[in-house]
Amino acid sequence: VDITFFMSTLRFNPNLTYQLMLFFADELQVSEQKMGNMLQLPVKN
């Protein structure tokens, strides 16, 4: 779906906006953990 329609979908569907916010938060946590692992852990870990 194109970006204009998707943004309209977010405005008219607050539950989708809420769930997307939670998804972004979860994804950020995993990304930060991965980056921390790359700096602190050996490859096997």
All heavy atoms as atom14 arrays in JSON, in Angstrom:
{
  "sequence": "VDITFFMSTLRFNPNLTYQLMLFFADELQVSEQKMGNMLQLPVKN",
  "atom14_mask": [
    [1, 1, 1, 1, 1, 1, 1, 0, 0, 0, 0, 0, 0, 0],
    [1, 1, 1, 1, 1, 1, 1, 1, 0, 0, 0, 0, 0, 0],
    [1, 1, 1, 1, 1, 1, 1, 1, 0, 0, 0, 0, 0, 0],
    [1, 1, 1, 1, 1, 1, 1, 0, 0, 0, 0, 0, 0, 0],
    [1, 1, 1, 1, 1, 1, 1, 1, 1, 1, 1, 0, 0, 0],
    [1, 1, 1, 1, 1, 1, 1, 1, 1, 1, 1, 0, 0, 0],
    [1, 1, 1, 1, 1, 1, 1, 1, 0, 0, 0, 0, 0, 0],
    [1, 1, 1, 1, 1, 1, 0, 0, 0, 0, 0, 0, 0, 0],
    [1, 1, 1, 1, 1, 1, 1, 0, 0, 0, 0, 0, 0, 0],
    [1, 1, 1, 1, 1, 1, 1, 1, 0, 0, 0, 0, 0, 0],
    [1, 1, 1, 1, 1, 1, 1, 1, 1, 1, 1, 0, 0, 0],
    [1, 1, 1, 1, 1, 1, 1, 1, 1, 1, 1, 0, 0, 0],
    [1, 1, 1, 1, 1, 1, 1, 1, 0, 0, 0, 0, 0, 0],
    [1, 1, 1, 1, 1, 1, 1, 0, 0, 0, 0, 0, 0, 0],
    [1, 1, 1, 1, 1, 1, 1, 1, 0, 0, 0, 0, 0, 0],
    [1, 1, 1, 1, 1, 1, 1, 1, 0, 0, 0, 0, 0, 0],
    [1, 1, 1, 1, 1, 1, 1, 0, 0, 0, 0, 0, 0, 0],
    [1, 1, 1, 1, 1, 1, 1, 1, 1, 1, 1, 1, 0, 0],
    [1, 1, 1, 1, 1, 1, 1, 1, 1, 0, 0, 0, 0, 0],
    [1, 1, 1, 1, 1, 1, 1, 1, 0, 0, 0, 0, 0, 0],
    [1, 1, 1, 1, 1, 1, 1, 1, 0, 0, 0, 0, 0, 0],
    [1, 1, 1, 1, 1, 1, 1, 1, 0, 0, 0, 0, 0, 0],
    [1, 1, 1, 1, 1, 1, 1, 1, 1, 1, 1, 0, 0, 0],
    [1, 1, 1, 1, 1, 1, 1, 1, 1, 1, 1, 0, 0, 0],
    [1, 1, 1, 1, 1, 0, 0, 0, 0, 0, 0, 0, 0, 0],
    [1, 1, 1, 1, 1, 1, 1, 1, 0, 0, 0, 0, 0, 0],
    [1, 1, 1, 1, 1, 1, 1, 1, 1, 0, 0, 0, 0, 0],
    [1, 1, 1, 1, 1, 1, 1, 1, 0, 0, 0, 0, 0, 0],
    [1, 1, 1, 1, 1, 1, 1, 1, 1, 0, 0, 0, 0, 0],
    [1, 1, 1, 1, 1, 1, 1, 0, 0, 0, 0, 0, 0, 0],
    [1, 1, 1, 1, 1, 1, 0, 0, 0, 0, 0, 0, 0, 0],
    [1, 1, 1, 1, 1, 1, 1, 1, 1, 0, 0, 0, 0, 0],
    [1, 1, 1, 1, 1, 1, 1, 1, 1, 0, 0, 0, 0, 0],
    [1, 1, 1, 1, 1, 1, 1, 1, 1, 0, 0, 0, 0, 0],
    [1, 1, 1, 1, 1, 1, 1, 1, 0, 0, 0, 0, 0, 0],
    [1, 1, 1, 1, 0, 0, 0, 0, 0, 0, 0, 0, 0, 0],
    [1, 1, 1, 1, 1, 1, 1, 1, 0, 0, 0, 0, 0, 0],
    [1, 1, 1, 1, 1, 1, 1, 1, 0, 0, 0, 0, 0, 0],
    [1, 1, 1, 1, 1, 1, 1, 1, 0, 0, 0, 0, 0, 0],
    [1, 1, 1, 1, 1, 1, 1, 1, 1, 0, 0, 0, 0, 0],
    [1, 1, 1, 1, 1, 1, 1, 1, 0, 0, 0, 0, 0, 0],
    [1, 1, 1, 1, 1, 1, 1, 0, 0, 0, 0, 0, 0, 0],
    [1, 1, 1, 1, 1, 1, 1, 0, 0, 0, 0, 0, 0, 0],
    [1, 1, 1, 1, 1, 1, 1, 1, 1, 0, 0, 0, 0, 0],
    [1, 1, 1, 1, 1, 1, 1, 1, 0, 0, 0, 0, 0, 0]
  ],
  "atom14_positions": [
    [[0.86, -1.19, 0.0], [0.0, 0.0, 0.0], [0.9, 1.23, 0.0], [1.94, 1.25, 0.65], [-0.96, 0.03, 1.21], [-1.96, -1.12, 1.13], [-0.22, 0.0, 2.53], [0.0, 0.0, 0.0], [0.0, 0.0, 0.0], [0.0, 0.0, 0.0], [0.0, 0.0, 0.0], [0.0, 0.0, 0.0], [0.0, 0.0, 0.0], [0.0, 0.0, 0.0]],
    [[0.49, 2.27, -0.74], [1.35, 3.46, -0.83], [1.32, 4.23, 0.49], [0.43, 4.05, 1.32], [0.98, 4.33, -2.02], [-0.37, 5.0, -1.9], [-0.66, 5.61, -0.86], [-1.17, 4.92, -2.86], [0.0, 0.0, 0.0], [0.0, 0.0, 0.0], [0.0, 0.0, 0.0], [0.0, 0.0, 0.0], [0.0, 0.0, 0.0], [0.0, 0.0, 0.0]],
    [[2.3, 5.09, 0.65], [2.52, 5.75, 1.93], [1.37, 6.68, 2.3], [1.01, 6.8, 3.48], [3.87, 6.53, 1.92], [4.24, 6.98, 3.34], [3.84, 7.68, 0.95], [4.52, 5.85, 4.28], [0.0, 0.0, 0.0], [0.0, 0.0, 0.0], [0.0, 0.0, 0.0], [0.0, 0.0, 0.0], [0.0, 0.0, 0.0], [0.0, 0.0, 0.0]],
    [[0.74, 7.31, 1.31], [-0.38, 8.21, 1.6], [-1.55, 7.44, 2.2], [-2.14, 7.85, 3.21], [-0.82, 8.95, 0.33], [0.28, 9.7, -0.18], [-1.98, 9.89, 0.63], [0.0, 0.0, 0.0], [0.0, 0.0, 0.0], [0.0, 0.0, 0.0], [0.0, 0.0, 0.0], [0.0, 0.0, 0.0], [0.0, 0.0, 0.0], [0.0, 0.0, 0.0]],
    [[-1.87, 6.31, 1.59], [-2.97, 5.5, 2.1], [-2.62, 4.93, 3.48], [-3.47, 4.88, 4.37], [-3.31, 4.36, 1.14], [-4.35, 3.42, 1.68], [-5.68, 3.79, 1.73], [-3.99, 2.17, 2.16], [-6.65, 2.93, 2.25], [-4.94, 1.31, 2.68], [-6.27, 1.69, 2.72], [0.0, 0.0, 0.0], [0.0, 0.0, 0.0], [0.0, 0.0, 0.0]],
    [[-1.38, 4.51, 3.66], [-0.99, 3.94, 4.95], [-1.09, 4.98, 6.06], [-1.56, 4.67, 7.16], [0.43, 3.37, 4.88], [0.85, 2.68, 6.14], [0.26, 1.49, 6.54], [1.84, 3.21, 6.96], [0.62, 0.84, 7.71], [2.23, 2.57, 8.13], [1.61, 1.38, 8.5], [0.0, 0.0, 0.0], [0.0, 0.0, 0.0], [0.0, 0.0, 0.0]],
    [[-0.65, 6.19, 5.79], [-0.75, 7.25, 6.8], [-2.22, 7.56, 7.13], [-2.56, 7.8, 8.29], [-0.03, 8.51, 6.33], [1.48, 8.31, 6.11], [2.35, 7.71, 7.58], [2.45, 9.22, 8.54], [0.0, 0.0, 0.0], [0.0, 0.0, 0.0], [0.0, 0.0, 0.0], [0.0, 0.0, 0.0], [0.0, 0.0, 0.0], [0.0, 0.0, 0.0]],
    [[-3.09, 7.54, 6.13], [-4.52, 7.72, 6.38], [-5.07, 6.58, 7.23], [-5.89, 6.8, 8.13], [-5.28, 7.79, 5.05], [-4.92, 8.93, 4.31], [0.0, 0.0, 0.0], [0.0, 0.0, 0.0], [0.0, 0.0, 0.0], [0.0, 0.0, 0.0], [0.0, 0.0, 0.0], [0.0, 0.0, 0.0], [0.0, 0.0, 0.0], [0.0, 0.0, 0.0]],
    [[-4.59, 5.38, 6.95], [-5.02, 4.22, 7.72], [-4.63, 4.37, 9.19], [-5.42, 4.04, 10.09], [-4.4, 2.93, 7.13], [-4.81, 2.79, 5.77], [-4.85, 1.7, 7.9], [0.0, 0.0, 0.0], [0.0, 0.0, 0.0], [0.0, 0.0, 0.0], [0.0, 0.0, 0.0], [0.0, 0.0, 0.0], [0.0, 0.0, 0.0], [0.0, 0.0, 0.0]],
    [[-3.45, 4.88, 9.44], [-3.02, 5.1, 10.83], [-3.9, 6.15, 11.52], [-4.27, 5.99, 12.7], [-1.56, 5.56, 10.87], [-0.5, 4.53, 10.46], [0.89, 5.16, 10.48], [-0.52, 3.32, 11.39], [0.0, 0.0, 0.0], [0.0, 0.0, 0.0], [0.0, 0.0, 0.0], [0.0, 0.0, 0.0], [0.0, 0.0, 0.0], [0.0, 0.0, 0.0]],
    [[-4.27, 7.2, 10.8], [-5.08, 8.26, 11.41], [-6.48, 7.77, 11.76], [-7.04, 8.15, 12.79], [-5.16, 9.46, 10.46], [-3.9, 10.31, 10.42], [-4.17, 11.65, 9.76], [-4.5, 11.5, 8.34], [-3.59, 11.49, 7.37], [-2.3, 11.6, 7.66], [-3.96, 11.36, 6.11], [0.0, 0.0, 0.0], [0.0, 0.0, 0.0], [0.0, 0.0, 0.0]],
    [[-7.04, 6.92, 10.92], [-8.42, 6.48, 11.13], [-8.53, 5.18, 11.93], [-9.64, 4.73, 12.23], [-9.12, 6.32, 9.78], [-9.5, 7.61, 9.14], [-8.7, 8.16, 8.14], [-10.62, 8.31, 9.54], [-9.02, 9.37, 7.55], [-10.96, 9.52, 8.95], [-10.16, 10.06, 7.96], [0.0, 0.0, 0.0], [0.0, 0.0, 0.0], [0.0, 0.0, 0.0]],
    [[-7.39, 4.6, 12.29], [-7.41, 3.32, 13.02], [-6.43, 3.41, 14.2], [-5.29, 2.95, 14.1], [-7.02, 2.16, 12.1], [-8.07, 1.88, 11.04], [-9.0, 1.11, 11.25], [-7.92, 2.53, 9.88], [0.0, 0.0, 0.0], [0.0, 0.0, 0.0], [0.0, 0.0, 0.0], [0.0, 0.0, 0.0], [0.0, 0.0, 0.0], [0.0, 0.0, 0.0]],
    [[-6.87, 3.98, 15.31], [-5.97, 4.19, 16.45], [-5.38, 2.89, 17.01], [-4.25, 2.92, 17.52], [-6.86, 4.89, 17.49], [-8.26, 4.64, 17.05], [-8.21, 4.53, 15.57], [0.0, 0.0, 0.0], [0.0, 0.0, 0.0], [0.0, 0.0, 0.0], [0.0, 0.0, 0.0], [0.0, 0.0, 0.0], [0.0, 0.0, 0.0], [0.0, 0.0, 0.0]],
    [[-6.09, 1.78, 16.9], [-5.51, 0.53, 17.4], [-4.31, 0.11, 16.58], [-3.31, -0.39, 17.12], [-6.56, -0.58, 17.4], [-6.01, -1.86, 18.01], [-5.49, -1.86, 19.13], [-6.09, -2.96, 17.28], [0.0, 0.0, 0.0], [0.0, 0.0, 0.0], [0.0, 0.0, 0.0], [0.0, 0.0, 0.0], [0.0, 0.0, 0.0], [0.0, 0.0, 0.0]],
    [[-4.37, 0.32, 15.25], [-3.22, 0.02, 14.4], [-2.04, 0.9, 14.78], [-0.9, 0.43, 14.87], [-3.59, 0.21, 12.93], [-2.43, 0.05, 11.93], [-1.87, -1.37, 11.97], [-2.88, 0.41, 10.51], [0.0, 0.0, 0.0], [0.0, 0.0, 0.0], [0.0, 0.0, 0.0], [0.0, 0.0, 0.0], [0.0, 0.0, 0.0], [0.0, 0.0, 0.0]],
    [[-2.3, 2.19, 15.02], [-1.23, 3.11, 15.42], [-0.6, 2.67, 16.73], [0.63, 2.69, 16.89], [-1.8, 4.53, 15.56], [-2.43, 4.91, 14.34], [-0.7, 5.53, 15.87], [0.0, 0.0, 0.0], [0.0, 0.0, 0.0], [0.0, 0.0, 0.0], [0.0, 0.0, 0.0], [0.0, 0.0, 0.0], [0.0, 0.0, 0.0], [0.0, 0.0, 0.0]],
    [[-1.44, 2.26, 17.68], [-0.96, 1.79, 18.98], [-0.11, 0.53, 18.82], [0.99, 0.42, 19.39], [-2.15, 1.52, 19.88], [-1.82, 0.88, 21.21], [-1.15, 1.6, 22.21], [-2.17, -0.44, 21.48], [-0.83, 1.01, 23.42], [-1.86, -1.03, 22.69], [-1.2, -0.3, 23.66], [-0.9, -0.89, 24.86], [0.0, 0.0, 0.0], [0.0, 0.0, 0.0]],
    [[-0.6, -0.43, 18.04], [0.14, -1.68, 17.84], [1.45, -1.44, 17.1], [2.46, -2.09, 17.39], [-0.73, -2.68, 17.08], [-1.97, -3.16, 17.82], [-1.63, -3.92, 19.09], [-0.57, -4.55, 19.21], [-2.54, -3.87, 20.06], [0.0, 0.0, 0.0], [0.0, 0.0, 0.0], [0.0, 0.0, 0.0], [0.0, 0.0, 0.0], [0.0, 0.0, 0.0]],
    [[1.45, -0.5, 16.16], [2.69, -0.17, 15.45], [3.7, 0.46, 16.39], [4.9, 0.18, 16.3], [2.39, 0.77, 14.28], [3.57, 1.09, 13.36], [4.11, -0.16, 12.7], [3.17, 2.12, 12.31], [0.0, 0.0, 0.0], [0.0, 0.0, 0.0], [0.0, 0.0, 0.0], [0.0, 0.0, 0.0], [0.0, 0.0, 0.0], [0.0, 0.0, 0.0]],
    [[3.23, 1.29, 17.33], [4.13, 1.88, 18.32], [4.77, 0.79, 19.17], [5.99, 0.81, 19.43], [3.36, 2.85, 19.21], [4.21, 3.52, 20.29], [3.22, 4.36, 21.55], [2.48, 2.96, 22.4], [0.0, 0.0, 0.0], [0.0, 0.0, 0.0], [0.0, 0.0, 0.0], [0.0, 0.0, 0.0], [0.0, 0.0, 0.0], [0.0, 0.0, 0.0]],
    [[3.98, -0.19, 19.61], [4.52, -1.3, 20.4], [5.52, -2.11, 19.58], [6.56, -2.54, 20.1], [3.39, -2.2, 20.89], [2.4, -1.58, 21.89], [1.33, -2.6, 22.27], [3.13, -1.09, 23.14], [0.0, 0.0, 0.0], [0.0, 0.0, 0.0], [0.0, 0.0, 0.0], [0.0, 0.0, 0.0], [0.0, 0.0, 0.0], [0.0, 0.0, 0.0]],
    [[5.2, -2.31, 18.31], [6.11, -3.06, 17.43], [7.44, -2.33, 17.28], [8.51, -2.94, 17.35], [5.44, -3.26, 16.07], [6.33, -3.94, 15.06], [6.54, -5.31, 15.12], [6.97, -3.22, 14.07], [7.37, -5.94, 14.2], [7.79, -3.84, 13.15], [7.99, -5.2, 13.21], [0.0, 0.0, 0.0], [0.0, 0.0, 0.0], [0.0, 0.0, 0.0]],
    [[7.38, -1.01, 17.06], [8.61, -0.22, 16.97], [9.42, -0.36, 18.26], [10.66, -0.49, 18.22], [8.28, 1.26, 16.74], [8.24, 1.67, 15.3], [7.07, 2.12, 14.72], [9.39, 1.63, 14.53], [7.03, 2.51, 13.39], [9.37, 2.02, 13.2], [8.18, 2.46, 12.62], [0.0, 0.0, 0.0], [0.0, 0.0, 0.0], [0.0, 0.0, 0.0]],
    [[8.76, -0.31, 19.42], [9.46, -0.4, 20.7], [10.14, -1.76, 20.85], [11.3, -1.85, 21.26], [8.48, -0.17, 21.86], [0.0, 0.0, 0.0], [0.0, 0.0, 0.0], [0.0, 0.0, 0.0], [0.0, 0.0, 0.0], [0.0, 0.0, 0.0], [0.0, 0.0, 0.0], [0.0, 0.0, 0.0], [0.0, 0.0, 0.0], [0.0, 0.0, 0.0]],
    [[9.43, -2.83, 20.51], [10.01, -4.17, 20.6], [11.18, -4.32, 19.64], [12.23, -4.89, 19.99], [8.95, -5.24, 20.28], [7.9, -5.35, 21.37], [8.16, -4.9, 22.5], [6.81, -5.91, 21.09], [0.0, 0.0, 0.0], [0.0, 0.0, 0.0], [0.0, 0.0, 0.0], [0.0, 0.0, 0.0], [0.0, 0.0, 0.0], [0.0, 0.0, 0.0]],
    [[11.02, -3.81, 18.43], [12.07, -3.91, 17.42], [13.31, -3.13, 17.86], [14.45, -3.59, 17.67], [11.56, -3.39, 16.08], [12.49, -3.66, 14.92], [11.92, -3.14, 13.61], [11.47, -1.99, 13.56], [11.96, -3.9, 12.62], [0.0, 0.0, 0.0], [0.0, 0.0, 0.0], [0.0, 0.0, 0.0], [0.0, 0.0, 0.0], [0.0, 0.0, 0.0]],
    [[13.1, -1.97, 18.47], [14.22, -1.16, 18.96], [14.98, -1.9, 20.06], [16.22, -1.89, 20.1], [13.71, 0.18, 19.47], [14.77, 1.13, 20.02], [15.81, 1.48, 18.97], [14.11, 2.41, 20.58], [0.0, 0.0, 0.0], [0.0, 0.0, 0.0], [0.0, 0.0, 0.0], [0.0, 0.0, 0.0], [0.0, 0.0, 0.0], [0.0, 0.0, 0.0]],
    [[14.26, -2.54, 20.97], [14.9, -3.29, 22.05], [15.79, -4.4, 21.5], [16.93, -4.59, 21.96], [13.85, -3.87, 22.99], [13.17, -2.84, 23.88], [12.16, -3.46, 24.82], [12.21, -4.65, 25.1], [11.22, -2.67, 25.3], [0.0, 0.0, 0.0], [0.0, 0.0, 0.0], [0.0, 0.0, 0.0], [0.0, 0.0, 0.0], [0.0, 0.0, 0.0]],
    [[15.26, -5.14, 20.52], [16.04, -6.23, 19.93], [17.27, -5.66, 19.21], [18.38, -6.21, 19.32], [15.18, -7.06, 18.95], [16.04, -8.07, 18.19], [14.07, -7.79, 19.71], [0.0, 0.0, 0.0], [0.0, 0.0, 0.0], [0.0, 0.0, 0.0], [0.0, 0.0, 0.0], [0.0, 0.0, 0.0], [0.0, 0.0, 0.0], [0.0, 0.0, 0.0]],
    [[17.09, -4.56, 18.46], [18.22, -3.95, 17.75], [19.3, -3.48, 18.71], [20.5, -3.68, 18.46], [17.73, -2.77, 16.9], [16.85, -3.19, 15.89], [0.0, 0.0, 0.0], [0.0, 0.0, 0.0], [0.0, 0.0, 0.0], [0.0, 0.0, 0.0], [0.0, 0.0, 0.0], [0.0, 0.0, 0.0], [0.0, 0.0, 0.0], [0.0, 0.0, 0.0]],
    [[18.89, -2.87, 19.81], [19.87, -2.41, 20.79], [20.6, -3.58, 21.45], [21.8, -3.51, 21.71], [19.18, -1.54, 21.85], [18.73, -0.19, 21.31], [18.03, 0.66, 22.36], [17.54, 0.08, 23.36], [17.98, 1.89, 22.18], [0.0, 0.0, 0.0], [0.0, 0.0, 0.0], [0.0, 0.0, 0.0], [0.0, 0.0, 0.0], [0.0, 0.0, 0.0]],
    [[19.86, -4.66, 21.71], [20.49, -5.85, 22.29], [21.51, -6.45, 21.32], [22.6, -6.84, 21.71], [19.42, -6.89, 22.63], [19.97, -8.16, 23.28], [20.55, -7.91, 24.66], [19.84, -7.5, 25.55], [21.84, -8.15, 24.82], [0.0, 0.0, 0.0], [0.0, 0.0, 0.0], [0.0, 0.0, 0.0], [0.0, 0.0, 0.0], [0.0, 0.0, 0.0]],
    [[21.13, -6.5, 20.03], [22.06, -7.02, 19.03], [23.34, -6.2, 18.96], [24.45, -6.74, 18.89], [21.39, -7.05, 17.66], [20.47, -8.24, 17.42], [19.99, -8.29, 15.97], [21.14, -8.59, 15.04], [20.7, -8.69, 13.62], [0.0, 0.0, 0.0], [0.0, 0.0, 0.0], [0.0, 0.0, 0.0], [0.0, 0.0, 0.0], [0.0, 0.0, 0.0]],
    [[23.2, -4.87, 18.97], [24.37, -4.01, 18.9], [25.23, -4.16, 20.14], [26.46, -4.19, 20.08], [23.94, -2.56, 18.72], [23.3, -2.24, 17.38], [24.35, -2.7, 15.97], [25.76, -1.63, 16.25], [0.0, 0.0, 0.0], [0.0, 0.0, 0.0], [0.0, 0.0, 0.0], [0.0, 0.0, 0.0], [0.0, 0.0, 0.0], [0.0, 0.0, 0.0]],
    [[24.58, -4.27, 21.32], [25.33, -4.49, 22.55], [26.08, -5.81, 22.51], [27.24, -5.9, 22.95], [0.0, 0.0, 0.0], [0.0, 0.0, 0.0], [0.0, 0.0, 0.0], [0.0, 0.0, 0.0], [0.0, 0.0, 0.0], [0.0, 0.0, 0.0], [0.0, 0.0, 0.0], [0.0, 0.0, 0.0], [0.0, 0.0, 0.0], [0.0, 0.0, 0.0]],
    [[25.44, -6.85, 21.98], [26.09, -8.15, 21.87], [27.32, -8.08, 20.98], [28.36, -8.7, 21.26], [25.12, -9.19, 21.29], [24.03, -9.58, 22.28], [24.11, -9.25, 23.46], [23.02, -10.26, 21.79], [0.0, 0.0, 0.0], [0.0, 0.0, 0.0], [0.0, 0.0, 0.0], [0.0, 0.0, 0.0], [0.0, 0.0, 0.0], [0.0, 0.0, 0.0]],
    [[27.22, -7.34, 19.87], [28.35, -7.24, 18.94], [29.56, -6.58, 19.6], [30.7, -6.89, 19.27], [27.93, -6.46, 17.69], [26.95, -7.22, 16.8], [26.47, -6.3, 15.32], [28.01, -6.24, 14.41], [0.0, 0.0, 0.0], [0.0, 0.0, 0.0], [0.0, 0.0, 0.0], [0.0, 0.0, 0.0], [0.0, 0.0, 0.0], [0.0, 0.0, 0.0]],
    [[29.3, -5.68, 20.55], [30.38, -4.99, 21.23], [30.95, -5.79, 22.41], [32.12, -5.65, 22.75], [29.91, -3.62, 21.73], [29.52, -2.6, 20.65], [28.91, -1.37, 21.3], [30.74, -2.22, 19.82], [0.0, 0.0, 0.0], [0.0, 0.0, 0.0], [0.0, 0.0, 0.0], [0.0, 0.0, 0.0], [0.0, 0.0, 0.0], [0.0, 0.0, 0.0]],
    [[30.1, -6.63, 23.04], [30.48, -7.25, 24.31], [30.7, -8.76, 24.26], [31.45, -9.29, 25.08], [29.4, -6.96, 25.36], [29.15, -5.49, 25.62], [27.99, -5.27, 26.56], [27.72, -6.05, 27.45], [27.26, -4.17, 26.35], [0.0, 0.0, 0.0], [0.0, 0.0, 0.0], [0.0, 0.0, 0.0], [0.0, 0.0, 0.0], [0.0, 0.0, 0.0]],
    [[30.07, -9.44, 23.31], [30.07, -10.89, 23.35], [30.91, -11.49, 22.22], [30.92, -10.97, 21.1], [28.65, -11.45, 23.24], [27.65, -11.07, 24.34], [26.31, -11.75, 24.06], [28.17, -11.46, 25.71], [0.0, 0.0, 0.0], [0.0, 0.0, 0.0], [0.0, 0.0, 0.0], [0.0, 0.0, 0.0], [0.0, 0.0, 0.0], [0.0, 0.0, 0.0]],
    [[31.59, -12.61, 22.49], [32.25, -13.33, 21.41], [31.22, -13.97, 20.49], [30.04, -14.08, 20.82], [33.08, -14.39, 22.14], [32.55, -14.47, 23.51], [31.83, -13.21, 23.81], [0.0, 0.0, 0.0], [0.0, 0.0, 0.0], [0.0, 0.0, 0.0], [0.0, 0.0, 0.0], [0.0, 0.0, 0.0], [0.0, 0.0, 0.0], [0.0, 0.0, 0.0]],
    [[31.69, -14.44, 19.33], [30.78, -14.92, 18.3], [29.93, -16.1, 18.79], [28.73, -16.16, 18.49], [31.56, -15.32, 17.03], [30.63, -16.0, 16.03], [32.19, -14.11, 16.39], [0.0, 0.0, 0.0], [0.0, 0.0, 0.0], [0.0, 0.0, 0.0], [0.0, 0.0, 0.0], [0.0, 0.0, 0.0], [0.0, 0.0, 0.0], [0.0, 0.0, 0.0]],
    [[30.5, -17.03, 19.55], [29.72, -18.2, 19.96], [28.51, -17.79, 20.81], [27.43, -18.38, 20.69], [30.59, -19.2, 20.71], [31.1, -18.74, 22.07], [31.86, -19.86, 22.77], [32.31, -19.41, 24.17], [33.03, -20.5, 24.87], [0.0, 0.0, 0.0], [0.0, 0.0, 0.0], [0.0, 0.0, 0.0], [0.0, 0.0, 0.0], [0.0, 0.0, 0.0]],
    [[28.69, -16.77, 21.64], [27.57, -16.3, 22.47], [26.55, -15.55, 21.63], [25.34, -15.69, 21.83], [28.09, -15.42, 23.59], [29.12, -16.11, 24.46], [30.31, -16.1, 24.12], [28.7, -16.72, 25.54], [0.0, 0.0, 0.0], [0.0, 0.0, 0.0], [0.0, 0.0, 0.0], [0.0, 0.0, 0.0], [0.0, 0.0, 0.0], [0.0, 0.0, 0.0]]
  ]
}
